[in-house]
Amino acid sequence: MTVQVLAIDDSRTMRNLLNATLSSAGFQVDLAEDGEDGLRRFDQTDPDVVITDINMPRLDGFGFI
């Protein structure tokens, strides 16, 4: 069973780094640009694990949680 990870970060560099690292470790990765995008993707992907940044525009990590 592959673990589904939702990684939420407003920094494109961090999203790319998380995607590369987690994918190479065998995780299925879905990425979101901020908390609002993360909520939409959460409903679509039903992730096992969420990694979120705290300081983001529109909806921060605390609001997402």
C-alpha atoms as a PDB file:
ATOM      1  CA  MET A   1       0.000   0.000   0.000  1.00  0.00           C
ATOM      2  CA  THR A   2       1.381   3.391  -1.007  1.00  0.00           C
ATOM      3  CA  VAL A   3       1.098   6.202   1.549  1.00  0.00           C
ATOM      4  CA  GLN A   4      -0.682   9.260   0.132  1.00  0.00           C
ATOM      5  CA  VAL A   5       0.861  12.576   1.272  1.00  0.00           C
ATOM      6  CA  LEU A   6      -0.644  16.029   0.808  1.00  0.00           C
ATOM      7  CA  ALA A   7       2.095  18.684   1.028  1.00  0.00           C
ATOM      8  CA  ILE A   8       0.891  22.285   1.387  1.00  0.00           C
ATOM      9  CA  ASP A   9       3.335  25.169   1.002  1.00  0.00           C
ATOM     10  CA  ASP A  10       3.180  28.544  -0.724  1.00  0.00           C
ATOM     11  CA  SER A  11       6.832  28.281  -1.763  1.00  0.00           C
ATOM     12  CA  ARG A  12       7.227  26.563  -5.131  1.00  0.00           C
ATOM     13  CA  THR A  13      10.798  25.616  -4.174  1.00  0.00           C
ATOM     14  CA  MET A  14       9.617  23.836  -1.014  1.00  0.00           C
ATOM     15  CA  ARG A  15       6.808  22.047  -2.900  1.00  0.00           C
ATOM     16  CA  ASN A  16       9.294  20.835  -5.499  1.00  0.00           C
ATOM     17  CA  LEU A  17      11.743  19.707  -2.808  1.00  0.00           C
ATOM     18  CA  LEU A  18       9.040  17.857  -0.873  1.00  0.00           C
ATOM     19  CA  ASN A  19       7.738  16.249  -4.051  1.00  0.00           C
ATOM     20  CA  ALA A  20      11.182  15.069  -5.170  1.00  0.00           C
ATOM     21  CA  THR A  21      12.173  13.752  -1.750  1.00  0.00           C
ATOM     22  CA  LEU A  22       8.915  12.020  -0.892  1.00  0.00           C
ATOM     23  CA  SER A  23       8.339  10.586  -4.369  1.00  0.00           C
ATOM     24  CA  SER A  24      11.821   9.091  -4.465  1.00  0.00           C
ATOM     25  CA  ALA A  25      11.078   7.469  -1.083  1.00  0.00           C
ATOM     26  CA  GLY A  26       8.009   5.767  -2.562  1.00  0.00           C
ATOM     27  CA  PHE A  27       5.236   8.062  -1.337  1.00  0.00           C
ATOM     28  CA  GLN A  28       2.349   9.196  -3.529  1.00  0.00           C
ATOM     29  CA  VAL A  29       2.500  13.015  -3.320  1.00  0.00           C
ATOM     30  CA  ASP A  30      -0.135  15.633  -4.036  1.00  0.00           C
ATOM     31  CA  LEU A  31       0.794  19.322  -3.747  1.00  0.00           C
ATOM     32  CA  ALA A  32      -1.185  22.429  -2.783  1.00  0.00           C
ATOM     33  CA  GLU A  33      -0.205  26.119  -2.929  1.00  0.00           C
ATOM     34  CA  ASP A  34      -2.010  27.320   0.224  1.00  0.00           C
ATOM     35  CA  GLY A  35      -4.613  26.239   2.752  1.00  0.00           C
ATOM     36  CA  GLU A  36      -7.598  26.876   0.481  1.00  0.00           C
ATOM     37  CA  ASP A  37      -6.025  24.830  -2.298  1.00  0.00           C
ATOM     38  CA  GLY A  38      -5.129  22.206   0.316  1.00  0.00           C
ATOM     39  CA  LEU A  39      -8.758  21.885   1.445  1.00  0.00           C
ATOM     40  CA  ARG A  40      -9.898  21.281  -2.139  1.00  0.00           C
ATOM     41  CA  ARG A  41      -7.188  18.698  -2.726  1.00  0.00           C
ATOM     42  CA  PHE A  42      -7.810  17.049   0.660  1.00  0.00           C
ATOM     43  CA  ASP A  43     -11.370  16.239  -0.392  1.00  0.00           C
ATOM     44  CA  GLN A  44     -10.179  14.922  -3.758  1.00  0.00           C
ATOM     45  CA  THR A  45      -7.231  12.790  -2.614  1.00  0.00           C
ATOM     46  CA  ASP A  46      -8.109  11.603   0.930  1.00  0.00           C
ATOM     47  CA  PRO A  47      -4.440  11.660   2.058  1.00  0.00           C
ATOM     48  CA  ASP A  48      -2.948   9.500   4.811  1.00  0.00           C
ATOM     49  CA  VAL A  49      -0.548  12.274   5.893  1.00  0.00           C
ATOM     50  CA  VAL A  50      -0.588  16.074   5.588  1.00  0.00           C
ATOM     51  CA  ILE A  51       2.518  18.263   5.711  1.00  0.00           C
ATOM     52  CA  THR A  52       1.669  21.953   5.904  1.00  0.00           C
ATOM     53  CA  ASP A  53       3.496  25.247   6.123  1.00  0.00           C
ATOM     54  CA  ILE A  54       2.152  27.640   8.768  1.00  0.00           C
ATOM     55  CA  ASN A  55       2.620  31.074   7.149  1.00  0.00           C
ATOM     56  CA  MET A  56       0.713  31.139   3.855  1.00  0.00           C
ATOM     57  CA  PRO A  57      -1.627  33.566   2.078  1.00  0.00           C
ATOM     58  CA  ARG A  58      -5.430  33.158   1.925  1.00  0.00           C
ATOM     59  CA  LEU A  59      -5.579  30.346   4.518  1.00  0.00           C
ATOM     60  CA  ASP A  60      -2.590  29.580   6.741  1.00  0.00           C
ATOM     61  CA  GLY A  61      -1.547  26.215   8.133  1.00  0.00           C
ATOM     62  CA  PHE A  62      -3.340  26.748  11.454  1.00  0.00           C
ATOM     63  CA  GLY A  63      -6.574  27.547   9.613  1.00  0.00           C
ATOM     64  CA  PHE A  64      -6.147  24.474   7.447  1.00  0.00           C
ATOM     65  CA  ILE A  65      -5.636  22.203  10.452  1.00  0.00           C
END
